[in-house]
Amino acid sequence: MSSNRKPQALSGVILQKGIPIGGLAIPSENSDEFIRVFCLEYQALGLDAKLVASSPSPLEMLGRCTKAPDRQTQANPYNLDS
């Protein structure tokens, strides 16, 4: 007996200028194409937003996915001295 269950969606994070601004479910089928189209559409609108998988994925392993910046090197937007 076969199962009709759909593959579970991947967790994604939307980054704007390297800062996480929200989450989005990424379809498990064709996830790399979904991420690529998402990024291209936002670039076409003139927005600096990227969608990245929030857990290791085949896309990240191939190095085709932007990773979130290291918190130690990221400027704190709430620090008025920086």
PDB file of N, CA and C in Angstrom:
ATOM      1  N   MET A   1       0.841  -1.170   0.000  1.00  0.00           N
ATOM      2  CA  MET A   1       0.000   0.000   0.000  1.00  0.00           C
ATOM      3  C   MET A   1       0.892   1.240   0.000  1.00  0.00           C
ATOM      4  N   SER A   2       0.640   2.142  -0.921  1.00  0.00           N
ATOM      5  CA  SER A   2       1.481   3.329  -1.021  1.00  0.00           C
ATOM      6  C   SER A   2       0.866   4.484  -0.241  1.00  0.00           C
ATOM      7  N   SER A   3       1.706   5.393   0.157  1.00  0.00           N
ATOM      8  CA  SER A   3       1.274   6.552   0.926  1.00  0.00           C
ATOM      9  C   SER A   3       1.111   7.743  -0.009  1.00  0.00           C
ATOM     10  N   ASN A   4       0.078   8.533   0.211  1.00  0.00           N
ATOM     11  CA  ASN A   4      -0.158   9.735  -0.588  1.00  0.00           C
ATOM     12  C   ASN A   4       0.314  10.987   0.135  1.00  0.00           C
ATOM     13  N   ARG A   5       1.131  10.820   1.156  1.00  0.00           N
ATOM     14  CA  ARG A   5       1.621  11.971   1.919  1.00  0.00           C
ATOM     15  C   ARG A   5       2.585  12.789   1.080  1.00  0.00           C
ATOM     16  N   LYS A   6       2.429  14.103   1.152  1.00  0.00           N
ATOM     17  CA  LYS A   6       3.335  15.001   0.447  1.00  0.00           C
ATOM     18  C   LYS A   6       4.605  15.170   1.272  1.00  0.00           C
ATOM     19  N   PRO A   7       5.736  15.384   0.595  1.00  0.00           N
ATOM     20  CA  PRO A   7       6.966  15.663   1.348  1.00  0.00           C
ATOM     21  C   PRO A   7       6.796  16.945   2.166  1.00  0.00           C
ATOM     22  N   GLN A   8       7.409  16.962   3.332  1.00  0.00           N
ATOM     23  CA  GLN A   8       7.300  18.112   4.222  1.00  0.00           C
ATOM     24  C   GLN A   8       8.071  19.302   3.657  1.00  0.00           C
ATOM     25  N   ALA A   9       7.496  20.497   3.797  1.00  0.00           N
ATOM     26  CA  ALA A   9       8.146  21.717   3.332  1.00  0.00           C
ATOM     27  C   ALA A   9       9.393  22.002   4.168  1.00  0.00           C
ATOM     28  N   LEU A  10      10.351  22.696   3.562  1.00  0.00           N
ATOM     29  CA  LEU A  10      11.569  23.108   4.252  1.00  0.00           C
ATOM     30  C   LEU A  10      11.333  24.456   4.918  1.00  0.00           C
ATOM     31  N   SER A  11      12.039  24.720   5.990  1.00  0.00           N
ATOM     32  CA  SER A  11      11.963  26.024   6.647  1.00  0.00           C
ATOM     33  C   SER A  11      12.906  26.978   5.945  1.00  0.00           C
ATOM     34  N   GLY A  12      12.440  28.194   5.731  1.00  0.00           N
ATOM     35  CA  GLY A  12      13.274  29.207   5.101  1.00  0.00           C
ATOM     36  C   GLY A  12      13.241  30.498   5.890  1.00  0.00           C
ATOM     37  N   VAL A  13      14.250  31.323   5.682  1.00  0.00           N
ATOM     38  CA  VAL A  13      14.353  32.623   6.333  1.00  0.00           C
ATOM     39  C   VAL A  13      14.536  33.669   5.247  1.00  0.00           C
ATOM     40  N   ILE A  14      13.775  34.763   5.348  1.00  0.00           N
ATOM     41  CA  ILE A  14      13.932  35.879   4.423  1.00  0.00           C
ATOM     42  C   ILE A  14      14.896  36.863   5.068  1.00  0.00           C
ATOM     43  N   LEU A  15      15.943  37.218   4.319  1.00  0.00           N
ATOM     44  CA  LEU A  15      16.940  38.177   4.793  1.00  0.00           C
ATOM     45  C   LEU A  15      16.823  39.456   3.982  1.00  0.00           C
ATOM     46  N   GLN A  16      16.894  40.593   4.653  1.00  0.00           N
ATOM     47  CA  GLN A  16      16.971  41.871   3.961  1.00  0.00           C
ATOM     48  C   GLN A  16      18.244  42.549   4.437  1.00  0.00           C
ATOM     49  N   LYS A  17      19.158  42.764   3.507  1.00  0.00           N
ATOM     50  CA  LYS A  17      20.483  43.309   3.808  1.00  0.00           C
ATOM     51  C   LYS A  17      21.177  42.476   4.878  1.00  0.00           C
ATOM     52  N   GLY A  18      20.980  41.158   4.827  1.00  0.00           N
ATOM     53  CA  GLY A  18      21.631  40.238   5.743  1.00  0.00           C
ATOM     54  C   GLY A  18      20.955  40.067   7.088  1.00  0.00           C
ATOM     55  N   ILE A  19      19.848  40.771   7.318  1.00  0.00           N
ATOM     56  CA  ILE A  19      19.146  40.698   8.595  1.00  0.00           C
ATOM     57  C   ILE A  19      17.878  39.860   8.419  1.00  0.00           C
ATOM     58  N   PRO A  20      17.664  38.848   9.263  1.00  0.00           N
ATOM     59  CA  PRO A  20      16.436  38.046   9.154  1.00  0.00           C
ATOM     60  C   PRO A  20      15.201  38.902   9.419  1.00  0.00           C
ATOM     61  N   ILE A  21      14.233  38.871   8.489  1.00  0.00           N
ATOM     62  CA  ILE A  21      13.016  39.673   8.659  1.00  0.00           C
ATOM     63  C   ILE A  21      11.748  38.831   8.677  1.00  0.00           C
ATOM     64  N   GLY A  22      11.850  37.544   8.389  1.00  0.00           N
ATOM     65  CA  GLY A  22      10.656  36.703   8.401  1.00  0.00           C
ATOM     66  C   GLY A  22      10.964  35.284   7.985  1.00  0.00           C
ATOM     67  N   GLY A  23       9.965  34.452   8.100  1.00  0.00           N
ATOM     68  CA  GLY A  23      10.101  33.055   7.714  1.00  0.00           C
ATOM     69  C   GLY A  23       9.153  32.716   6.585  1.00  0.00           C
ATOM     70  N   LEU A  24       9.463  31.641   5.883  1.00  0.00           N
ATOM     71  CA  LEU A  24       8.634  31.200   4.770  1.00  0.00           C
ATOM     72  C   LEU A  24       8.859  29.715   4.563  1.00  0.00           C
ATOM     73  N   ALA A  25       7.791  28.987   4.319  1.00  0.00           N
ATOM     74  CA  ALA A  25       7.917  27.563   3.999  1.00  0.00           C
ATOM     75  C   ALA A  25       8.349  27.428   2.542  1.00  0.00           C
ATOM     76  N   ILE A  26       9.347  26.601   2.306  1.00  0.00           N
ATOM     77  CA  ILE A  26       9.869  26.362   0.962  1.00  0.00           C
ATOM     78  C   ILE A  26       9.383  24.983   0.524  1.00  0.00           C
ATOM     79  N   PRO A  27       8.728  24.887  -0.641  1.00  0.00           N
ATOM     80  CA  PRO A  27       8.274  23.571  -1.092  1.00  0.00           C
ATOM     81  C   PRO A  27       9.446  22.608  -1.211  1.00  0.00           C
ATOM     82  N   SER A  28       9.256  21.382  -0.768  1.00  0.00           N
ATOM     83  CA  SER A  28      10.356  20.415  -0.810  1.00  0.00           C
ATOM     84  C   SER A  28      10.683  19.984  -2.236  1.00  0.00           C
ATOM     85  N   GLU A  29       9.706  20.020  -3.123  1.00  0.00           N
ATOM     86  CA  GLU A  29       9.962  19.697  -4.526  1.00  0.00           C
ATOM     87  C   GLU A  29      10.457  20.958  -5.226  1.00  0.00           C
ATOM     88  N   ASN A  30      11.559  20.865  -5.934  1.00  0.00           N
ATOM     89  CA  ASN A  30      12.150  21.985  -6.672  1.00  0.00           C
ATOM     90  C   ASN A  30      12.490  23.161  -5.756  1.00  0.00           C
ATOM     91  N   SER A  31      12.997  22.883  -4.562  1.00  0.00           N
ATOM     92  CA  SER A  31      13.286  23.945  -3.600  1.00  0.00           C
ATOM     93  C   SER A  31      14.348  24.913  -4.103  1.00  0.00           C
ATOM     94  N   ASP A  32      15.377  24.414  -4.789  1.00  0.00           N
ATOM     95  CA  ASP A  32      16.411  25.324  -5.283  1.00  0.00           C
ATOM     96  C   ASP A  32      15.860  26.263  -6.343  1.00  0.00           C
ATOM     97  N   GLU A  33      14.955  25.798  -7.178  1.00  0.00           N
ATOM     98  CA  GLU A  33      14.329  26.653  -8.194  1.00  0.00           C
ATOM     99  C   GLU A  33      13.411  27.676  -7.531  1.00  0.00           C
ATOM    100  N   PHE A  34      12.669  27.281  -6.507  1.00  0.00           N
ATOM    101  CA  PHE A  34      11.795  28.197  -5.776  1.00  0.00           C
ATOM    102  C   PHE A  34      12.617  29.332  -5.163  1.00  0.00           C
ATOM    103  N   ILE A  35      13.743  28.994  -4.531  1.00  0.00           N
ATOM    104  CA  ILE A  35      14.611  30.003  -3.916  1.00  0.00           C
ATOM    105  C   ILE A  35      15.188  30.927  -4.978  1.00  0.00           C
ATOM    106  N   ARG A  36      15.640  30.364  -6.094  1.00  0.00           N
ATOM    107  CA  ARG A  36      16.226  31.170  -7.170  1.00  0.00           C
ATOM    108  C   ARG A  36      15.208  32.171  -7.718  1.00  0.00           C
ATOM    109  N   VAL A  37      13.992  31.716  -7.994  1.00  0.00           N
ATOM    110  CA  VAL A  37      12.952  32.592  -8.535  1.00  0.00           C
ATOM    111  C   VAL A  37      12.558  33.656  -7.511  1.00  0.00           C
ATOM    112  N   PHE A  38      12.434  33.284  -6.246  1.00  0.00           N
ATOM    113  CA  PHE A  38      12.111  34.246  -5.191  1.00  0.00           C
ATOM    114  C   PHE A  38      13.131  35.387  -5.188  1.00  0.00           C
ATOM    115  N   CYS A  39      14.415  35.025  -5.179  1.00  0.00           N
ATOM    116  CA  CYS A  39      15.476  36.040  -5.130  1.00  0.00           C
ATOM    117  C   CYS A  39      15.456  36.922  -6.377  1.00  0.00           C
ATOM    118  N   LEU A  40      15.278  36.323  -7.552  1.00  0.00           N
ATOM    119  CA  LEU A  40      15.250  37.094  -8.800  1.00  0.00           C
ATOM    120  C   LEU A  40      14.064  38.054  -8.847  1.00  0.00           C
ATOM    121  N   GLU A  41      12.907  37.626  -8.374  1.00  0.00           N
ATOM    122  CA  GLU A  41      11.732  38.494  -8.390  1.00  0.00           C
ATOM    123  C   GLU A  41      11.905  39.688  -7.462  1.00  0.00           C
ATOM    124  N   TYR A  42      12.482  39.479  -6.298  1.00  0.00           N
ATOM    125  CA  TYR A  42      12.719  40.599  -5.393  1.00  0.00           C
ATOM    126  C   TYR A  42      13.784  41.542  -5.950  1.00  0.00           C
ATOM    127  N   GLN A  43      14.820  41.012  -6.605  1.00  0.00           N
ATOM    128  CA  GLN A  43      15.829  41.859  -7.240  1.00  0.00           C
ATOM    129  C   GLN A  43      15.198  42.698  -8.337  1.00  0.00           C
ATOM    130  N   ALA A  44      14.280  42.115  -9.110  1.00  0.00           N
ATOM    131  CA  ALA A  44      13.606  42.840 -10.187  1.00  0.00           C
ATOM    132  C   ALA A  44      12.787  44.010  -9.645  1.00  0.00           C
ATOM    133  N   LEU A  45      12.305  43.889  -8.413  1.00  0.00           N
ATOM    134  CA  LEU A  45      11.554  44.969  -7.772  1.00  0.00           C
ATOM    135  C   LEU A  45      12.475  46.001  -7.130  1.00  0.00           C
ATOM    136  N   GLY A  46      13.773  45.755  -7.161  1.00  0.00           N
ATOM    137  CA  GLY A  46      14.734  46.667  -6.558  1.00  0.00           C
ATOM    138  C   GLY A  46      14.912  46.465  -5.063  1.00  0.00           C
ATOM    139  N   LEU A  47      14.468  45.329  -4.551  1.00  0.00           N
ATOM    140  CA  LEU A  47      14.586  45.050  -3.119  1.00  0.00           C
ATOM    141  C   LEU A  47      15.772  44.140  -2.849  1.00  0.00           C
ATOM    142  N   ASP A  48      16.453  44.386  -1.750  1.00  0.00           N
ATOM    143  CA  ASP A  48      17.581  43.546  -1.352  1.00  0.00           C
ATOM    144  C   ASP A  48      17.077  42.503  -0.365  1.00  0.00           C
ATOM    145  N   ALA A  49      16.392  41.488  -0.883  1.00  0.00           N
ATOM    146  CA  ALA A  49      15.862  40.417  -0.035  1.00  0.00           C
ATOM    147  C   ALA A  49      16.293  39.081  -0.609  1.00  0.00           C
ATOM    148  N   LYS A  50      16.636  38.166   0.272  1.00  0.00           N
ATOM    149  CA  LYS A  50      17.043  36.824  -0.138  1.00  0.00           C
ATOM    150  C   LYS A  50      16.293  35.813   0.716  1.00  0.00           C
ATOM    151  N   LEU A  51      16.006  34.682   0.119  1.00  0.00           N
ATOM    152  CA  LEU A  51      15.396  33.572   0.835  1.00  0.00           C
ATOM    153  C   LEU A  51      16.444  32.490   0.958  1.00  0.00           C
ATOM    154  N   VAL A  52      16.672  32.024   2.166  1.00  0.00           N
ATOM    155  CA  VAL A  52      17.655  30.964   2.390  1.00  0.00           C
ATOM    156  C   VAL A  52      17.017  29.855   3.204  1.00  0.00           C
ATOM    157  N   ALA A  53      17.479  28.643   2.968  1.00  0.00           N
ATOM    158  CA  ALA A  53      17.029  27.514   3.777  1.00  0.00           C
ATOM    159  C   ALA A  53      17.642  27.671   5.162  1.00  0.00           C
ATOM    160  N   SER A  54      16.832  27.472   6.198  1.00  0.00           N
ATOM    161  CA  SER A  54      17.348  27.689   7.551  1.00  0.00           C
ATOM    162  C   SER A  54      17.987  26.448   8.150  1.00  0.00           C
ATOM    163  N   SER A  55      17.946  25.346   7.437  1.00  0.00           N
ATOM    164  CA  SER A  55      18.638  24.135   7.871  1.00  0.00           C
ATOM    165  C   SER A  55      19.471  23.637   6.698  1.00  0.00           C
ATOM    166  N   PRO A  56      20.502  22.870   6.942  1.00  0.00           N
ATOM    167  CA  PRO A  56      21.323  22.404   5.821  1.00  0.00           C
ATOM    168  C   PRO A  56      20.471  21.705   4.767  1.00  0.00           C
ATOM    169  N   SER A  57      20.697  22.071   3.537  1.00  0.00           N
ATOM    170  CA  SER A  57      19.967  21.487   2.424  1.00  0.00           C
ATOM    171  C   SER A  57      20.956  21.160   1.312  1.00  0.00           C
ATOM    172  N   PRO A  58      20.549  20.360   0.336  1.00  0.00           N
ATOM    173  CA  PRO A  58      21.437  20.094  -0.799  1.00  0.00           C
ATOM    174  C   PRO A  58      21.876  21.381  -1.489  1.00  0.00           C
ATOM    175  N   LEU A  59      21.011  22.392  -1.497  1.00  0.00           N
ATOM    176  CA  LEU A  59      21.346  23.668  -2.115  1.00  0.00           C
ATOM    177  C   LEU A  59      22.531  24.322  -1.412  1.00  0.00           C
ATOM    178  N   GLU A  60      22.516  24.348  -0.076  1.00  0.00           N
ATOM    179  CA  GLU A  60      23.625  24.927   0.678  1.00  0.00           C
ATOM    180  C   GLU A  60      24.897  24.116   0.496  1.00  0.00           C
ATOM    181  N   MET A  61      24.756  22.798   0.453  1.00  0.00           N
ATOM    182  CA  MET A  61      25.931  21.952   0.292  1.00  0.00           C
ATOM    183  C   MET A  61      26.636  22.216  -1.032  1.00  0.00           C
ATOM    184  N   LEU A  62      25.889  22.603  -2.031  1.00  0.00           N
ATOM    185  CA  LEU A  62      26.479  22.915  -3.332  1.00  0.00           C
ATOM    186  C   LEU A  62      27.027  24.339  -3.376  1.00  0.00           C
ATOM    187  N   GLY A  63      26.779  25.121  -2.335  1.00  0.00           N
ATOM    188  CA  GLY A  63      27.308  26.474  -2.275  1.00  0.00           C
ATOM    189  C   GLY A  63      26.539  27.465  -3.119  1.00  0.00           C
ATOM    190  N   ARG A  64      25.298  27.144  -3.473  1.00  0.00           N
ATOM    191  CA  ARG A  64      24.516  28.046  -4.308  1.00  0.00           C
ATOM    192  C   ARG A  64      23.521  28.854  -3.495  1.00  0.00           C
ATOM    193  N   CYS A  65      23.635  28.824  -2.192  1.00  0.00           N
ATOM    194  CA  CYS A  65      22.673  29.500  -1.336  1.00  0.00           C
ATOM    195  C   CYS A  65      23.418  30.438  -0.395  1.00  0.00           C
ATOM    196  N   THR A  66      22.959  31.668  -0.296  1.00  0.00           N
ATOM    197  CA  THR A  66      23.565  32.623   0.616  1.00  0.00           C
ATOM    198  C   THR A  66      23.234  32.225   2.045  1.00  0.00           C
ATOM    199  N   LYS A  67      24.222  32.250   2.896  1.00  0.00           N
ATOM    200  CA  LYS A  67      23.992  31.920   4.304  1.00  0.00           C
ATOM    201  C   LYS A  67      23.841  33.207   5.104  1.00  0.00           C
ATOM    202  N   ALA A  68      23.140  33.117   6.207  1.00  0.00           N
ATOM    203  CA  ALA A  68      22.973  34.261   7.092  1.00  0.00           C
ATOM    204  C   ALA A  68      24.338  34.687   7.626  1.00  0.00           C
ATOM    205  N   PRO A  69      24.568  35.992   7.774  1.00  0.00           N
ATOM    206  CA  PRO A  69      25.860  36.463   8.280  1.00  0.00           C
ATOM    207  C   PRO A  69      26.101  36.024   9.714  1.00  0.00           C
ATOM    208  N   ASP A  70      27.362  35.908  10.057  1.00  0.00           N
ATOM    209  CA  ASP A  70      27.755  35.558  11.415  1.00  0.00           C
ATOM    210  C   ASP A  70      27.356  36.702  12.341  1.00  0.00           C
ATOM    211  N   ARG A  71      26.693  36.396  13.447  1.00  0.00           N
ATOM    212  CA  ARG A  71      26.230  37.431  14.375  1.00  0.00           C
ATOM    213  C   ARG A  71      27.376  38.282  14.917  1.00  0.00           C
ATOM    214  N   GLN A  72      28.576  37.725  15.036  1.00  0.00           N
ATOM    215  CA  GLN A  72      29.700  38.480  15.582  1.00  0.00           C
ATOM    216  C   GLN A  72      30.176  39.548  14.612  1.00  0.00           C
ATOM    217  N   THR A  73      29.987  39.348  13.305  1.00  0.00           N
ATOM    218  CA  THR A  73      30.459  40.326  12.332  1.00  0.00           C
ATOM    219  C   THR A  73      29.349  41.251  11.866  1.00  0.00           C
ATOM    220  N   GLN A  74      28.102  40.971  12.218  1.00  0.00           N
ATOM    221  CA  GLN A  74      26.972  41.776  11.787  1.00  0.00           C
ATOM    222  C   GLN A  74      26.808  42.972  12.712  1.00  0.00           C
ATOM    223  N   ALA A  75      26.633  44.161  12.132  1.00  0.00           N
ATOM    224  CA  ALA A  75      26.429  45.365  12.928  1.00  0.00           C
ATOM    225  C   ALA A  75      25.086  45.290  13.641  1.00  0.00           C
ATOM    226  N   ASN A  76      25.044  45.785  14.850  1.00  0.00           N
ATOM    227  CA  ASN A  76      23.812  45.804  15.626  1.00  0.00           C
ATOM    228  C   ASN A  76      23.003  47.034  15.226  1.00  0.00           C
ATOM    229  N   PRO A  77      21.800  46.863  14.631  1.00  0.00           N
ATOM    230  CA  PRO A  77      21.019  48.019  14.197  1.00  0.00           C
ATOM    231  C   PRO A  77      20.502  48.859  15.357  1.00  0.00           C
ATOM    232  N   TYR A  78      20.524  48.337  16.578  1.00  0.00           N
ATOM    233  CA  TYR A  78      20.039  49.071  17.737  1.00  0.00           C
ATOM    234  C   TYR A  78      21.146  49.814  18.473  1.00  0.00           C
ATOM    235  N   ASN A  79      22.390  49.625  18.045  1.00  0.00           N
ATOM    236  CA  ASN A  79      23.519  50.298  18.673  1.00  0.00           C
ATOM    237  C   ASN A  79      23.748  51.619  17.946  1.00  0.00           C
ATOM    238  N   LEU A  80      23.461  52.733  18.591  1.00  0.00           N
ATOM    239  CA  LEU A  80      23.585  54.043  17.953  1.00  0.00           C
ATOM    240  C   LEU A  80      25.034  54.469  17.768  1.00  0.00           C
ATOM    241  N   ASP A  81      25.970  53.806  18.440  1.00  0.00           N
ATOM    242  CA  ASP A  81      27.382  54.160  18.332  1.00  0.00           C
ATOM    243  C   ASP A  81      28.042  53.569  17.100  1.00  0.00           C
ATOM    244  N   SER A  82      27.418  52.589  16.462  1.00  0.00           N
ATOM    245  CA  SER A  82      28.074  51.942  15.318  1.00  0.00           C
ATOM    246  C   SER A  82      27.692  52.595  14.016  1.00  0.00           C
TER     247      SER A  82
END
